[in-house]
PDB file of N, CA and C in Angstrom:
ATOM      1  N   MET A   1      19.925  -7.923 -20.849  1.00  0.00           N
ATOM      2  CA  MET A   1      19.789  -6.560 -20.400  1.00  0.00           C
ATOM      3  C   MET A   1      19.210  -6.553 -18.988  1.00  0.00           C
ATOM      4  N   ASP A   2      19.789  -5.766 -18.117  1.00  0.00           N
ATOM      5  CA  ASP A   2      19.346  -5.686 -16.728  1.00  0.00           C
ATOM      6  C   ASP A   2      18.572  -4.390 -16.512  1.00  0.00           C
ATOM      7  N   PHE A   3      17.302  -4.528 -16.159  1.00  0.00           N
ATOM      8  CA  PHE A   3      16.452  -3.359 -15.940  1.00  0.00           C
ATOM      9  C   PHE A   3      16.240  -3.079 -14.451  1.00  0.00           C
ATOM     10  N   SER A   4      17.074  -3.672 -13.614  1.00  0.00           N
ATOM     11  CA  SER A   4      16.958  -3.459 -12.166  1.00  0.00           C
ATOM     12  C   SER A   4      17.324  -2.021 -11.830  1.00  0.00           C
ATOM     13  N   PHE A   5      16.756  -1.553 -10.728  1.00  0.00           N
ATOM     14  CA  PHE A   5      17.129  -0.231 -10.248  1.00  0.00           C
ATOM     15  C   PHE A   5      18.516  -0.300  -9.625  1.00  0.00           C
ATOM     16  N   SER A   6      19.249   0.788  -9.734  1.00  0.00           N
ATOM     17  CA  SER A   6      20.575   0.861  -9.122  1.00  0.00           C
ATOM     18  C   SER A   6      20.412   1.040  -7.609  1.00  0.00           C
ATOM     19  N   PRO A   7      21.476   0.789  -6.847  1.00  0.00           N
ATOM     20  CA  PRO A   7      21.397   1.034  -5.401  1.00  0.00           C
ATOM     21  C   PRO A   7      21.027   2.484  -5.077  1.00  0.00           C
ATOM     22  N   GLU A   8      21.511   3.422  -5.858  1.00  0.00           N
ATOM     23  CA  GLU A   8      21.180   4.834  -5.638  1.00  0.00           C
ATOM     24  C   GLU A   8      19.703   5.097  -5.888  1.00  0.00           C
ATOM     25  N   GLN A   9      19.141   4.445  -6.912  1.00  0.00           N
ATOM     26  CA  GLN A   9      17.720   4.610  -7.204  1.00  0.00           C
ATOM     27  C   GLN A   9      16.864   3.979  -6.117  1.00  0.00           C
ATOM     28  N   ASP A  10      17.283   2.820  -5.613  1.00  0.00           N
ATOM     29  CA  ASP A  10      16.576   2.193  -4.491  1.00  0.00           C
ATOM     30  C   ASP A  10      16.635   3.083  -3.256  1.00  0.00           C
ATOM     31  N   GLN A  11      17.775   3.720  -3.038  1.00  0.00           N
ATOM     32  CA  GLN A  11      17.930   4.629  -1.900  1.00  0.00           C
ATOM     33  C   GLN A  11      17.009   5.846  -2.060  1.00  0.00           C
ATOM     34  N   LEU A  12      16.913   6.368  -3.269  1.00  0.00           N
ATOM     35  CA  LEU A  12      16.020   7.496  -3.535  1.00  0.00           C
ATOM     36  C   LEU A  12      14.579   7.096  -3.239  1.00  0.00           C
ATOM     37  N   ARG A  13      14.164   5.915  -3.685  1.00  0.00           N
ATOM     38  CA  ARG A  13      12.807   5.429  -3.429  1.00  0.00           C
ATOM     39  C   ARG A  13      12.557   5.319  -1.921  1.00  0.00           C
ATOM     40  N   ALA A  14      13.508   4.729  -1.198  1.00  0.00           N
ATOM     41  CA  ALA A  14      13.362   4.564   0.248  1.00  0.00           C
ATOM     42  C   ALA A  14      13.269   5.920   0.941  1.00  0.00           C
ATOM     43  N   HIS A  15      14.089   6.867   0.502  1.00  0.00           N
ATOM     44  CA  HIS A  15      14.061   8.214   1.089  1.00  0.00           C
ATOM     45  C   HIS A  15      12.716   8.880   0.822  1.00  0.00           C
ATOM     46  N   ALA A  16      12.242   8.808  -0.412  1.00  0.00           N
ATOM     47  CA  ALA A  16      10.963   9.425  -0.765  1.00  0.00           C
ATOM     48  C   ALA A  16       9.832   8.797   0.046  1.00  0.00           C
ATOM     49  N   ARG A  17       9.824   7.475   0.130  1.00  0.00           N
ATOM     50  CA  ARG A  17       8.762   6.780   0.873  1.00  0.00           C
ATOM     51  C   ARG A  17       8.797   7.176   2.349  1.00  0.00           C
ATOM     52  N   SER A  18       9.984   7.179   2.942  1.00  0.00           N
ATOM     53  CA  SER A  18      10.117   7.537   4.352  1.00  0.00           C
ATOM     54  C   SER A  18       9.649   8.973   4.598  1.00  0.00           C
ATOM     55  N   PHE A  19      10.093   9.875   3.757  1.00  0.00           N
ATOM     56  CA  PHE A  19       9.711  11.287   3.878  1.00  0.00           C
ATOM     57  C   PHE A  19       8.198  11.442   3.820  1.00  0.00           C
ATOM     58  N   LEU A  20       7.560  10.792   2.856  1.00  0.00           N
ATOM     59  CA  LEU A  20       6.116  10.943   2.676  1.00  0.00           C
ATOM     60  C   LEU A  20       5.314  10.248   3.765  1.00  0.00           C
ATOM     61  N   GLU A  21       5.788   9.126   4.254  1.00  0.00           N
ATOM     62  CA  GLU A  21       5.069   8.419   5.317  1.00  0.00           C
ATOM     63  C   GLU A  21       5.067   9.215   6.620  1.00  0.00           C
ATOM     64  N   LYS A  22       6.069  10.043   6.830  1.00  0.00           N
ATOM     65  CA  LYS A  22       6.135  10.862   8.044  1.00  0.00           C
ATOM     66  C   LYS A  22       5.187  12.055   7.967  1.00  0.00           C
ATOM     67  N   ARG A  23       4.679  12.347   6.788  1.00  0.00           N
ATOM     68  CA  ARG A  23       3.788  13.492   6.589  1.00  0.00           C
ATOM     69  C   ARG A  23       2.413  12.986   6.182  1.00  0.00           C
ATOM     70  N   ARG A  24       1.651  12.571   7.155  1.00  0.00           N
ATOM     71  CA  ARG A  24       0.338  11.978   6.877  1.00  0.00           C
ATOM     72  C   ARG A  24      -0.601  12.945   6.181  1.00  0.00           C
ATOM     73  N   ALA A  25      -0.455  14.227   6.420  1.00  0.00           N
ATOM     74  CA  ALA A  25      -1.327  15.212   5.781  1.00  0.00           C
ATOM     75  C   ALA A  25      -0.818  15.608   4.398  1.00  0.00           C
ATOM     76  N   GLY A  26       0.302  15.065   4.003  1.00  0.00           N
ATOM     77  CA  GLY A  26       0.873  15.390   2.698  1.00  0.00           C
ATOM     78  C   GLY A  26       2.005  16.389   2.811  1.00  0.00           C
ATOM     79  N   ALA A  27       2.834  16.392   1.814  1.00  0.00           N
ATOM     80  CA  ALA A  27       3.972  17.306   1.779  1.00  0.00           C
ATOM     81  C   ALA A  27       3.577  18.564   1.027  1.00  0.00           C
ATOM     82  N   SER A  28       4.094  19.678   1.478  1.00  0.00           N
ATOM     83  CA  SER A  28       3.807  20.945   0.800  1.00  0.00           C
ATOM     84  C   SER A  28       4.735  21.115  -0.400  1.00  0.00           C
ATOM     85  N   TRP A  29       4.318  21.955  -1.325  1.00  0.00           N
ATOM     86  CA  TRP A  29       5.131  22.226  -2.510  1.00  0.00           C
ATOM     87  C   TRP A  29       6.509  22.764  -2.120  1.00  0.00           C
ATOM     88  N   PRO A  30       6.625  23.701  -1.169  1.00  0.00           N
ATOM     89  CA  PRO A  30       7.959  24.173  -0.774  1.00  0.00           C
ATOM     90  C   PRO A  30       8.855  23.054  -0.228  1.00  0.00           C
ATOM     91  N   GLU A  31       8.268  22.087   0.501  1.00  0.00           N
ATOM     92  CA  GLU A  31       9.066  20.963   0.995  1.00  0.00           C
ATOM     93  C   GLU A  31       9.601  20.130  -0.165  1.00  0.00           C
ATOM     94  N   LEU A  32       8.733  19.868  -1.146  1.00  0.00           N
ATOM     95  CA  LEU A  32       9.150  19.087  -2.311  1.00  0.00           C
ATOM     96  C   LEU A  32      10.219  19.831  -3.107  1.00  0.00           C
ATOM     97  N   ALA A  33      10.073  21.143  -3.225  1.00  0.00           N
ATOM     98  CA  ALA A  33      11.058  21.946  -3.950  1.00  0.00           C
ATOM     99  C   ALA A  33      12.403  21.939  -3.224  1.00  0.00           C
ATOM    100  N   ARG A  34      12.374  22.028  -1.890  1.00  0.00           N
ATOM    101  CA  ARG A  34      13.612  22.024  -1.112  1.00  0.00           C
ATOM    102  C   ARG A  34      14.384  20.724  -1.315  1.00  0.00           C
ATOM    103  N   LEU A  35      13.673  19.624  -1.507  1.00  0.00           N
ATOM    104  CA  LEU A  35      14.311  18.334  -1.754  1.00  0.00           C
ATOM    105  C   LEU A  35      14.783  18.188  -3.204  1.00  0.00           C
ATOM    106  N   GLY A  36      14.389  19.130  -4.056  1.00  0.00           N
ATOM    107  CA  GLY A  36      14.781  19.079  -5.461  1.00  0.00           C
ATOM    108  C   GLY A  36      13.853  18.240  -6.319  1.00  0.00           C
ATOM    109  N   TRP A  37      12.736  17.791  -5.760  1.00  0.00           N
ATOM    110  CA  TRP A  37      11.844  16.888  -6.479  1.00  0.00           C
ATOM    111  C   TRP A  37      11.010  17.595  -7.548  1.00  0.00           C
ATOM    112  N   THR A  38      10.792  18.899  -7.402  1.00  0.00           N
ATOM    113  CA  THR A  38       9.983  19.603  -8.406  1.00  0.00           C
ATOM    114  C   THR A  38      10.772  19.862  -9.689  1.00  0.00           C
ATOM    115  N   GLY A  39      12.073  19.804  -9.612  1.00  0.00           N
ATOM    116  CA  GLY A  39      12.917  19.984 -10.784  1.00  0.00           C
ATOM    117  C   GLY A  39      13.885  18.836 -10.929  1.00  0.00           C
ATOM    118  N   ALA A  40      13.405  17.632 -10.667  1.00  0.00           N
ATOM    119  CA  ALA A  40      14.275  16.461 -10.608  1.00  0.00           C
ATOM    120  C   ALA A  40      15.105  16.253 -11.870  1.00  0.00           C
ATOM    121  N   SER A  41      14.499  16.354 -13.040  1.00  0.00           N
ATOM    122  CA  SER A  41      15.225  16.053 -14.278  1.00  0.00           C
ATOM    123  C   SER A  41      15.774  17.299 -14.979  1.00  0.00           C
ATOM    124  N   ILE A  42      15.666  18.436 -14.335  1.00  0.00           N
ATOM    125  CA  ILE A  42      16.239  19.669 -14.900  1.00  0.00           C
ATOM    126  C   ILE A  42      17.732  19.686 -14.538  1.00  0.00           C
ATOM    127  N   PRO A  43      18.596  20.014 -15.487  1.00  0.00           N
ATOM    128  CA  PRO A  43      20.035  20.032 -15.203  1.00  0.00           C
ATOM    129  C   PRO A  43      20.392  20.952 -14.036  1.00  0.00           C
ATOM    130  N   GLU A  44      21.398  20.560 -13.282  1.00  0.00           N
ATOM    131  CA  GLU A  44      21.836  21.360 -12.134  1.00  0.00           C
ATOM    132  C   GLU A  44      22.238  22.773 -12.548  1.00  0.00           C
ATOM    133  N   ALA A  45      22.836  22.908 -13.720  1.00  0.00           N
ATOM    134  CA  ALA A  45      23.256  24.222 -14.204  1.00  0.00           C
ATOM    135  C   ALA A  45      22.077  25.168 -14.383  1.00  0.00           C
ATOM    136  N   GLN A  46      20.885  24.602 -14.516  1.00  0.00           N
ATOM    137  CA  GLN A  46      19.679  25.417 -14.688  1.00  0.00           C
ATOM    138  C   GLN A  46      18.813  25.429 -13.429  1.00  0.00           C
ATOM    139  N   GLY A  47      19.382  24.996 -12.309  1.00  0.00           N
ATOM    140  CA  GLY A  47      18.687  25.068 -11.033  1.00  0.00           C
ATOM    141  C   GLY A  47      17.933  23.811 -10.623  1.00  0.00           C
ATOM    142  N   GLY A  48      18.063  22.740 -11.392  1.00  0.00           N
ATOM    143  CA  GLY A  48      17.373  21.498 -11.062  1.00  0.00           C
ATOM    144  C   GLY A  48      18.250  20.547 -10.274  1.00  0.00           C
ATOM    145  N   ALA A  49      17.728  19.339 -10.087  1.00  0.00           N
ATOM    146  CA  ALA A  49      18.466  18.324  -9.331  1.00  0.00           C
ATOM    147  C   ALA A  49      19.415  17.529 -10.214  1.00  0.00           C
ATOM    148  N   GLY A  50      19.230  17.592 -11.536  1.00  0.00           N
ATOM    149  CA  GLY A  50      20.126  16.884 -12.443  1.00  0.00           C
ATOM    150  C   GLY A  50      19.940  15.378 -12.467  1.00  0.00           C
ATOM    151  N   LEU A  51      18.779  14.903 -12.051  1.00  0.00           N
ATOM    152  CA  LEU A  51      18.508  13.466 -12.066  1.00  0.00           C
ATOM    153  C   LEU A  51      17.995  13.042 -13.436  1.00  0.00           C
ATOM    154  N   SER A  52      17.966  11.749 -13.662  1.00  0.00           N
ATOM    155  CA  SER A  52      17.434  11.239 -14.927  1.00  0.00           C
ATOM    156  C   SER A  52      15.909  11.145 -14.846  1.00  0.00           C
ATOM    157  N   PHE A  53      15.300  10.839 -15.980  1.00  0.00           N
ATOM    158  CA  PHE A  53      13.850  10.656 -15.998  1.00  0.00           C
ATOM    159  C   PHE A  53      13.441   9.440 -15.174  1.00  0.00           C
ATOM    160  N   ILE A  54      14.331   8.466 -15.037  1.00  0.00           N
ATOM    161  CA  ILE A  54      14.039   7.290 -14.212  1.00  0.00           C
ATOM    162  C   ILE A  54      13.908   7.713 -12.753  1.00  0.00           C
ATOM    163  N   GLU A  55      14.857   8.491 -12.248  1.00  0.00           N
ATOM    164  CA  GLU A  55      14.785   8.950 -10.862  1.00  0.00           C
ATOM    165  C   GLU A  55      13.556   9.836 -10.652  1.00  0.00           C
ATOM    166  N   GLU A  56      13.245  10.670 -11.636  1.00  0.00           N
ATOM    167  CA  GLU A  56      12.057  11.507 -11.545  1.00  0.00           C
ATOM    168  C   GLU A  56      10.800  10.635 -11.447  1.00  0.00           C
ATOM    169  N   ALA A  57      10.750   9.577 -12.247  1.00  0.00           N
ATOM    170  CA  ALA A  57       9.609   8.664 -12.220  1.00  0.00           C
ATOM    171  C   ALA A  57       9.508   7.952 -10.870  1.00  0.00           C
ATOM    172  N   ILE A  58      10.638   7.599 -10.281  1.00  0.00           N
ATOM    173  CA  ILE A  58      10.639   6.952  -8.971  1.00  0.00           C
ATOM    174  C   ILE A  58      10.002   7.871  -7.928  1.00  0.00           C
ATOM    175  N   VAL A  59      10.408   9.135  -7.930  1.00  0.00           N
ATOM    176  CA  VAL A  59       9.854  10.099  -6.976  1.00  0.00           C
ATOM    177  C   VAL A  59       8.356  10.286  -7.228  1.00  0.00           C
ATOM    178  N   PHE A  60       7.966  10.449  -8.482  1.00  0.00           N
ATOM    179  CA  PHE A  60       6.555  10.667  -8.799  1.00  0.00           C
ATOM    180  C   PHE A  60       5.710   9.438  -8.467  1.00  0.00           C
ATOM    181  N   GLU A  61       6.285   8.254  -8.649  1.00  0.00           N
ATOM    182  CA  GLU A  61       5.558   7.038  -8.281  1.00  0.00           C
ATOM    183  C   GLU A  61       5.277   7.031  -6.782  1.00  0.00           C
ATOM    184  N   GLU A  62       6.284   7.359  -5.978  1.00  0.00           N
ATOM    185  CA  GLU A  62       6.077   7.390  -4.530  1.00  0.00           C
ATOM    186  C   GLU A  62       5.069   8.469  -4.140  1.00  0.00           C
ATOM    187  N   LEU A  63       5.133   9.616  -4.800  1.00  0.00           N
ATOM    188  CA  LEU A  63       4.141  10.665  -4.525  1.00  0.00           C
ATOM    189  C   LEU A  63       2.732  10.157  -4.846  1.00  0.00           C
ATOM    190  N   GLY A  64       2.588   9.466  -5.969  1.00  0.00           N
ATOM    191  CA  GLY A  64       1.289   8.931  -6.362  1.00  0.00           C
ATOM    192  C   GLY A  64       0.805   7.844  -5.432  1.00  0.00           C
ATOM    193  N   LEU A  65       1.696   6.937  -5.020  1.00  0.00           N
ATOM    194  CA  LEU A  65       1.308   5.875  -4.094  1.00  0.00           C
ATOM    195  C   LEU A  65       0.895   6.456  -2.743  1.00  0.00           C
ATOM    196  N   HIS A  66       1.628   7.472  -2.298  1.00  0.00           N
ATOM    197  CA  HIS A  66       1.306   8.120  -1.031  1.00  0.00           C
ATOM    198  C   HIS A  66      -0.052   8.801  -1.127  1.00  0.00           C
ATOM    199  N   ARG A  67      -0.286   9.502  -2.216  1.00  0.00           N
ATOM    200  CA  ARG A  67      -1.563  10.200  -2.413  1.00  0.00           C
ATOM    201  C   ARG A  67      -2.710   9.199  -2.501  1.00  0.00           C
ATOM    202  N   ASP A  68      -2.500   8.105  -3.229  1.00  0.00           N
ATOM    203  CA  ASP A  68      -3.525   7.080  -3.372  1.00  0.00           C
ATOM    204  C   ASP A  68      -3.855   6.461  -2.026  1.00  0.00           C
ATOM    205  N   ALA A  69      -2.842   6.193  -1.212  1.00  0.00           N
ATOM    206  CA  ALA A  69      -3.064   5.604   0.108  1.00  0.00           C
ATOM    207  C   ALA A  69      -3.874   6.553   0.990  1.00  0.00           C
ATOM    208  N   ARG A  70      -3.573   7.858   0.914  1.00  0.00           N
ATOM    209  CA  ARG A  70      -4.334   8.840   1.695  1.00  0.00           C
ATOM    210  C   ARG A  70      -5.772   8.910   1.205  1.00  0.00           C
ATOM    211  N   ASP A  71      -5.973   8.926  -0.115  1.00  0.00           N
ATOM    212  CA  ASP A  71      -7.312   9.034  -0.680  1.00  0.00           C
ATOM    213  C   ASP A  71      -8.175   7.823  -0.352  1.00  0.00           C
ATOM    214  N   ARG A  72      -7.546   6.673  -0.168  1.00  0.00           N
ATOM    215  CA  ARG A  72      -8.280   5.444   0.140  1.00  0.00           C
ATOM    216  C   ARG A  72      -8.392   5.199   1.640  1.00  0.00           C
ATOM    217  N   GLY A  73      -8.008   6.195   2.421  1.00  0.00           N
ATOM    218  CA  GLY A  73      -8.118   6.060   3.867  1.00  0.00           C
ATOM    219  C   GLY A  73      -6.988   5.279   4.488  1.00  0.00           C
ATOM    220  N   GLY A  74      -5.877   5.179   3.772  1.00  0.00           N
ATOM    221  CA  GLY A  74      -4.744   4.420   4.276  1.00  0.00           C
ATOM    222  C   GLY A  74      -3.860   5.193   5.226  1.00  0.00           C
ATOM    223  N   GLY A  75      -4.252   6.410   5.560  1.00  0.00           N
ATOM    224  CA  GLY A  75      -3.483   7.173   6.536  1.00  0.00           C
ATOM    225  C   GLY A  75      -2.166   7.694   6.017  1.00  0.00           C
ATOM    226  N   GLY A  76      -1.954   7.661   4.724  1.00  0.00           N
ATOM    227  CA  GLY A  76      -0.739   8.231   4.165  1.00  0.00           C
ATOM    228  C   GLY A  76       0.402   7.266   4.033  1.00  0.00           C
ATOM    229  N   SER A  77       0.192   6.009   4.328  1.00  0.00           N
ATOM    230  CA  SER A  77       1.278   5.052   4.230  1.00  0.00           C
ATOM    231  C   SER A  77       1.202   4.294   2.923  1.00  0.00           C
ATOM    232  N   ALA A  78       2.274   4.326   2.173  1.00  0.00           N
ATOM    233  CA  ALA A  78       2.320   3.580   0.916  1.00  0.00           C
ATOM    234  C   ALA A  78       2.938   2.198   1.125  1.00  0.00           C
ATOM    235  N   SER A  79       3.302   1.879   2.345  1.00  0.00           N
ATOM    236  CA  SER A  79       3.942   0.586   2.620  1.00  0.00           C
ATOM    237  C   SER A  79       3.015  -0.552   2.251  1.00  0.00           C
ATOM    238  N   GLY A  80       3.588  -1.550   1.635  1.00  0.00           N
ATOM    239  CA  GLY A  80       2.811  -2.724   1.286  1.00  0.00           C
ATOM    240  C   GLY A  80       1.983  -2.568   0.026  1.00  0.00           C
ATOM    241  N   ARG A  81       1.987  -1.409  -0.561  1.00  0.00           N
ATOM    242  CA  ARG A  81       1.219  -1.193  -1.778  1.00  0.00           C
ATOM    243  C   ARG A  81       2.023  -1.709  -2.958  1.00  0.00           C
ATOM    244  N   ARG A  82       1.327  -2.230  -3.941  1.00  0.00           N
ATOM    245  CA  ARG A  82       1.988  -2.764  -5.124  1.00  0.00           C
ATOM    246  C   ARG A  82       2.623  -1.639  -5.921  1.00  0.00           C
ATOM    247  N   SER A  83       3.862  -1.817  -6.289  1.00  0.00           N
ATOM    248  CA  SER A  83       4.573  -0.834  -7.096  1.00  0.00           C
ATOM    249  C   SER A  83       4.088  -0.911  -8.537  1.00  0.00           C
ATOM    250  N   LEU A  84       4.059   0.220  -9.194  1.00  0.00           N
ATOM    251  CA  LEU A  84       3.692   0.263 -10.596  1.00  0.00           C
ATOM    252  C   LEU A  84       4.895   0.024 -11.497  1.00  0.00           C
ATOM    253  N   ALA A  85       6.070  -0.072 -10.886  1.00  0.00           N
ATOM    254  CA  ALA A  85       7.294  -0.296 -11.672  1.00  0.00           C
ATOM    255  C   ALA A  85       7.276  -1.686 -12.294  1.00  0.00           C
ATOM    256  N   PRO A  86       7.770  -1.811 -13.515  1.00  0.00           N
ATOM    257  CA  PRO A  86       7.814  -3.136 -14.146  1.00  0.00           C
ATOM    258  C   PRO A  86       8.710  -4.083 -13.347  1.00  0.00           C
ATOM    259  N   THR A  87       8.370  -5.343 -13.373  1.00  0.00           N
ATOM    260  CA  THR A  87       9.141  -6.354 -12.640  1.00  0.00           C
ATOM    261  C   THR A  87       9.684  -7.403 -13.579  1.00  0.00           C
ATOM    262  N   TRP A  88      10.294  -6.986 -14.666  1.00  0.00           N
ATOM    263  CA  TRP A  88      10.791  -7.919 -15.673  1.00  0.00           C
ATOM    264  C   TRP A  88      11.625  -8.955 -15.066  1.00  0.00           C
TER     265      TRP A  88
END
């Protein structure tokens, strides 16, 4: 069984990380909503992004890493931080 992230999931992670690193003071709720991240796993027919729970977790992980880096005085950069994703 392969538990690797798909290329699309890796792209989502890279996009989320890049977006958050450019906003050292943090992203606002309206910005996150515009990207579809606040309703990531809600079906598109109901106004969400229609992503899976895996993609939602990827976005939330990056949000958490970014927040943790800011709280620890890292200036908002999650680069180089250990991922919480399993590495089977």
